[in-house]
Amino acid sequence: MRYDADHKARTRERVLKAACDTIRRDGLDALGVAGVMKAAGLTHGGFYAHFASRDDLAAAAIGEMVEGVRRQVARHVDDLPPEEGLARYLDFYLSAAHRDAREHGCPLPVLAGDMPRMEPLSRERFKAAATGLAARLQPLLEAMGHADAGALAVSVVSEAVGALSLARAMGACAESDAILATSRAAIGRRIGLTVPETRQ
């Protein structure tokens, strides 16, 4: 049976979604062609109509998650004054809800530990996510008057990703909540937020 281009694109999207879900939930090591195709409701043999290899799928999935990071930031900061947008994004990023929603949240904490073992293209996609997030925050920090906005944005991303990683590793508990709250407050003070630091 012959399928049109739209059908092929939709099928590829299903496979990518299944791959992203697997990576977020279980990490890159758990990504396997057979499991992803089963999760997508497709046969193993159809995989190679869309991807050349598991590594190709991994790189494409990471790229898809990079786009998700961009959309996530935009939802929180667009059409708001820089200070309020940053505060809202930090409230989201360093929240218990984000910690507990690995399957929908930022992929950077999930991927960071796996990157040294990955192929160059996957590492490049991961780098694009990290640098892209910092680049998205930089103009907001510039608008707030920070002369060192580029370096500050990198520092903010590094601390936020690290805090979320540690909080997820500890699970839902008082100590994990404290890591998120402490980091959120510390970043807020460092970048000069005066709006309420928590809206949860």
Protein backbone atom coordinates (compact mmCIF):
# COMPACT_ATOMS: atom_id res chain seq x y z
CA MET A 1 0.00 0.00 0.00
CA ARG A 2 1.31 3.47 -0.90
CA TYR A 3 0.92 6.35 1.55
CA ASP A 4 1.00 10.07 0.91
CA ALA A 5 3.66 12.41 2.28
CA ASP A 6 1.38 13.60 5.09
CA HIS A 7 0.92 10.05 6.31
CA LYS A 8 4.67 9.50 6.36
CA ALA A 9 5.21 12.76 8.25
CA ARG A 10 2.54 11.85 10.81
CA THR A 11 4.07 8.41 11.29
CA ARG A 12 7.51 9.94 11.82
CA GLU A 13 5.99 12.28 14.43
CA ARG A 14 4.50 9.28 16.27
CA VAL A 15 7.88 7.57 16.36
CA LEU A 16 9.60 10.76 17.53
CA LYS A 17 7.04 11.28 20.28
CA ALA A 18 7.52 7.71 21.49
CA ALA A 19 11.29 8.20 21.45
CA CYS A 20 11.06 11.48 23.37
CA ASP A 21 8.77 9.88 25.95
CA THR A 22 11.20 7.00 26.41
CA ILE A 23 14.22 9.28 26.81
CA ARG A 24 12.47 11.56 29.29
CA ARG A 25 11.14 8.67 31.35
CA ASP A 26 14.06 6.23 31.24
CA GLY A 27 17.08 7.99 29.72
CA LEU A 28 18.93 7.54 26.44
CA ASP A 29 20.28 4.12 27.35
CA ALA A 30 16.71 2.79 27.33
CA LEU A 31 16.08 3.97 23.77
CA GLY A 32 15.63 0.94 21.53
CA VAL A 33 14.14 0.64 18.07
CA ALA A 34 11.80 -2.24 18.91
CA GLY A 35 10.46 -0.61 22.07
CA VAL A 36 9.90 2.75 20.42
CA MET A 37 8.09 1.25 17.44
CA LYS A 38 5.89 -0.82 19.74
CA ALA A 39 5.06 2.26 21.82
CA ALA A 40 4.17 4.11 18.62
CA GLY A 41 1.86 1.25 17.57
CA LEU A 42 4.01 0.36 14.56
CA THR A 43 5.98 -2.63 13.35
CA HIS A 44 9.72 -2.86 13.81
CA GLY A 45 10.30 -3.17 10.07
CA GLY A 46 8.81 0.23 9.34
CA PHE A 47 11.48 2.04 11.34
CA TYR A 48 13.99 2.37 8.50
CA ALA A 49 11.54 4.25 6.32
CA HIS A 50 12.00 7.15 8.74
CA PHE A 51 15.42 6.84 10.40
CA ALA A 52 18.75 5.41 9.35
CA SER A 53 19.70 4.02 12.76
CA ARG A 54 19.09 4.22 16.50
CA ASP A 55 21.64 7.05 16.69
CA ASP A 56 19.75 8.92 13.98
CA LEU A 57 16.54 8.50 16.00
CA ALA A 58 18.26 9.66 19.19
CA ALA A 59 19.57 12.82 17.51
CA ALA A 60 16.18 13.56 15.98
CA ALA A 61 14.43 13.05 19.32
CA ILE A 62 16.86 15.37 21.08
CA GLY A 63 16.26 17.95 18.35
CA GLU A 64 12.53 17.62 18.90
CA MET A 65 13.00 18.16 22.63
CA VAL A 66 15.13 21.23 21.90
CA GLU A 67 12.17 22.72 20.06
CA GLY A 68 10.03 21.89 23.07
CA VAL A 69 12.39 23.87 25.31
CA ARG A 70 12.01 26.90 23.04
CA ARG A 71 8.22 26.65 23.10
CA GLN A 72 8.24 26.20 26.87
CA VAL A 73 10.24 29.39 27.42
CA ALA A 74 8.03 31.33 25.03
CA ARG A 75 4.88 30.30 26.88
CA HIS A 76 6.22 31.82 30.08
CA VAL A 77 8.03 34.96 28.93
CA ASP A 78 6.41 36.22 25.73
CA ASP A 79 4.30 39.39 25.97
CA LEU A 80 5.44 40.08 29.55
CA PRO A 81 7.88 42.62 30.97
CA PRO A 82 11.35 40.97 31.22
CA GLU A 83 11.36 40.82 35.01
CA GLU A 84 7.93 39.23 35.22
CA GLY A 85 8.68 36.80 32.40
CA LEU A 86 11.87 35.61 34.07
CA ALA A 87 10.13 35.26 37.41
CA ARG A 88 7.34 33.19 35.86
CA TYR A 89 9.80 30.98 34.03
CA LEU A 90 11.84 30.34 37.16
CA ASP A 91 8.66 29.62 39.11
CA PHE A 92 7.78 27.00 36.52
CA TYR A 93 11.24 25.53 36.03
CA LEU A 94 12.10 25.17 39.72
CA SER A 95 8.74 23.84 40.83
CA ALA A 96 7.64 20.53 42.30
CA ALA A 97 5.26 20.09 39.37
CA HIS A 98 8.11 20.35 36.86
CA ARG A 99 10.30 18.06 38.95
CA ASP A 100 7.57 15.41 38.95
CA ALA A 101 6.72 15.69 35.24
CA ARG A 102 9.81 14.21 33.61
CA GLU A 103 7.78 13.11 30.59
CA HIS A 104 6.80 16.69 29.75
CA GLY A 105 9.57 18.77 31.29
CA CYS A 106 12.95 20.14 30.27
CA PRO A 107 15.13 17.34 28.87
CA LEU A 108 18.46 18.88 29.90
CA PRO A 109 18.61 17.22 33.35
CA VAL A 110 17.68 13.86 31.82
CA LEU A 111 20.23 14.06 29.02
CA ALA A 112 23.24 15.64 30.71
CA GLY A 113 24.64 12.44 32.20
CA ASP A 114 24.25 10.51 28.95
CA MET A 115 25.95 12.96 26.60
CA PRO A 116 29.59 11.81 26.98
CA ARG A 117 28.56 8.40 25.59
CA MET A 118 26.49 9.72 22.68
CA GLU A 119 27.30 10.26 19.03
CA PRO A 120 28.52 13.73 17.94
CA LEU A 121 25.19 14.74 16.39
CA SER A 122 23.30 14.01 19.61
CA ARG A 123 25.86 16.00 21.57
CA GLU A 124 25.45 18.91 19.16
CA ARG A 125 21.68 18.83 19.62
CA PHE A 126 22.10 18.82 23.40
CA LYS A 127 24.52 21.74 23.18
CA ALA A 128 21.96 23.61 21.06
CA ALA A 129 19.35 23.11 23.79
CA ALA A 130 21.62 24.39 26.56
CA THR A 131 23.04 27.35 24.65
CA GLY A 132 19.64 28.14 23.15
CA LEU A 133 18.03 28.37 26.57
CA ALA A 134 20.74 30.74 27.78
CA ALA A 135 20.44 32.79 24.60
CA ARG A 136 16.69 33.09 25.13
CA LEU A 137 17.17 34.42 28.66
CA GLN A 138 20.03 36.78 27.79
CA PRO A 139 17.96 39.60 26.22
CA LEU A 140 15.60 39.55 29.18
CA LEU A 141 18.55 40.03 31.52
CA GLU A 142 19.94 42.76 29.26
CA ALA A 143 16.60 44.56 29.41
CA MET A 144 16.84 44.43 33.19
CA GLY A 145 20.16 46.28 33.01
CA HIS A 146 22.68 43.47 33.47
CA ALA A 147 25.89 44.32 31.61
CA ASP A 148 27.10 40.72 31.92
CA ALA A 149 23.82 39.27 30.65
CA GLY A 150 25.40 36.55 28.50
CA ALA A 151 27.52 35.07 31.28
CA LEU A 152 24.70 35.54 33.78
CA ALA A 153 22.25 33.67 31.54
CA VAL A 154 24.66 30.71 31.30
CA SER A 155 25.03 30.74 35.09
CA VAL A 156 21.27 30.87 35.65
CA VAL A 157 20.67 27.95 33.27
CA SER A 158 23.46 25.93 34.88
CA GLU A 159 22.13 26.44 38.39
CA ALA A 160 18.52 25.81 37.43
CA VAL A 161 19.32 22.61 35.51
CA GLY A 162 21.58 21.39 38.31
CA ALA A 163 18.97 22.09 40.98
CA LEU A 164 16.24 20.36 38.98
CA SER A 165 18.51 17.36 38.38
CA LEU A 166 19.28 16.99 42.08
CA ALA A 167 15.64 17.51 43.08
CA ARG A 168 14.50 14.83 40.62
CA ALA A 169 17.16 12.44 41.88
CA MET A 170 15.87 12.85 45.43
CA GLY A 171 12.23 12.49 44.44
CA ALA A 172 9.20 14.15 46.01
CA CYS A 173 10.28 14.94 49.56
CA ALA A 174 10.85 17.93 51.82
CA GLU A 175 14.58 18.05 51.03
CA SER A 176 13.86 18.08 47.31
CA ASP A 177 11.30 20.86 47.71
CA ALA A 178 13.88 22.85 49.68
CA ILE A 179 16.46 22.53 46.90
CA LEU A 180 14.00 23.96 44.39
CA ALA A 181 12.86 26.78 46.65
CA THR A 182 16.38 27.74 47.73
CA SER A 183 17.71 27.78 44.19
CA ARG A 184 14.72 29.73 42.91
CA ALA A 185 15.15 32.37 45.61
CA ALA A 186 18.95 32.57 45.14
CA ILE A 187 18.66 33.05 41.37
CA GLY A 188 15.94 35.63 41.90
CA ARG A 189 18.13 37.64 44.25
CA ARG A 190 21.14 37.36 41.96
CA ILE A 191 19.33 38.69 38.90
CA GLY A 192 17.47 41.35 40.86
CA LEU A 193 13.89 40.13 40.73
CA THR A 194 11.56 42.25 42.81
CA VAL A 195 8.29 40.58 41.83
CA PRO A 196 7.06 37.74 44.09
CA GLU A 197 9.39 34.76 43.64
CA THR A 198 6.68 32.13 43.97
CA ARG A 199 3.24 31.94 42.40
CA GLN A 200 2.55 28.27 43.07
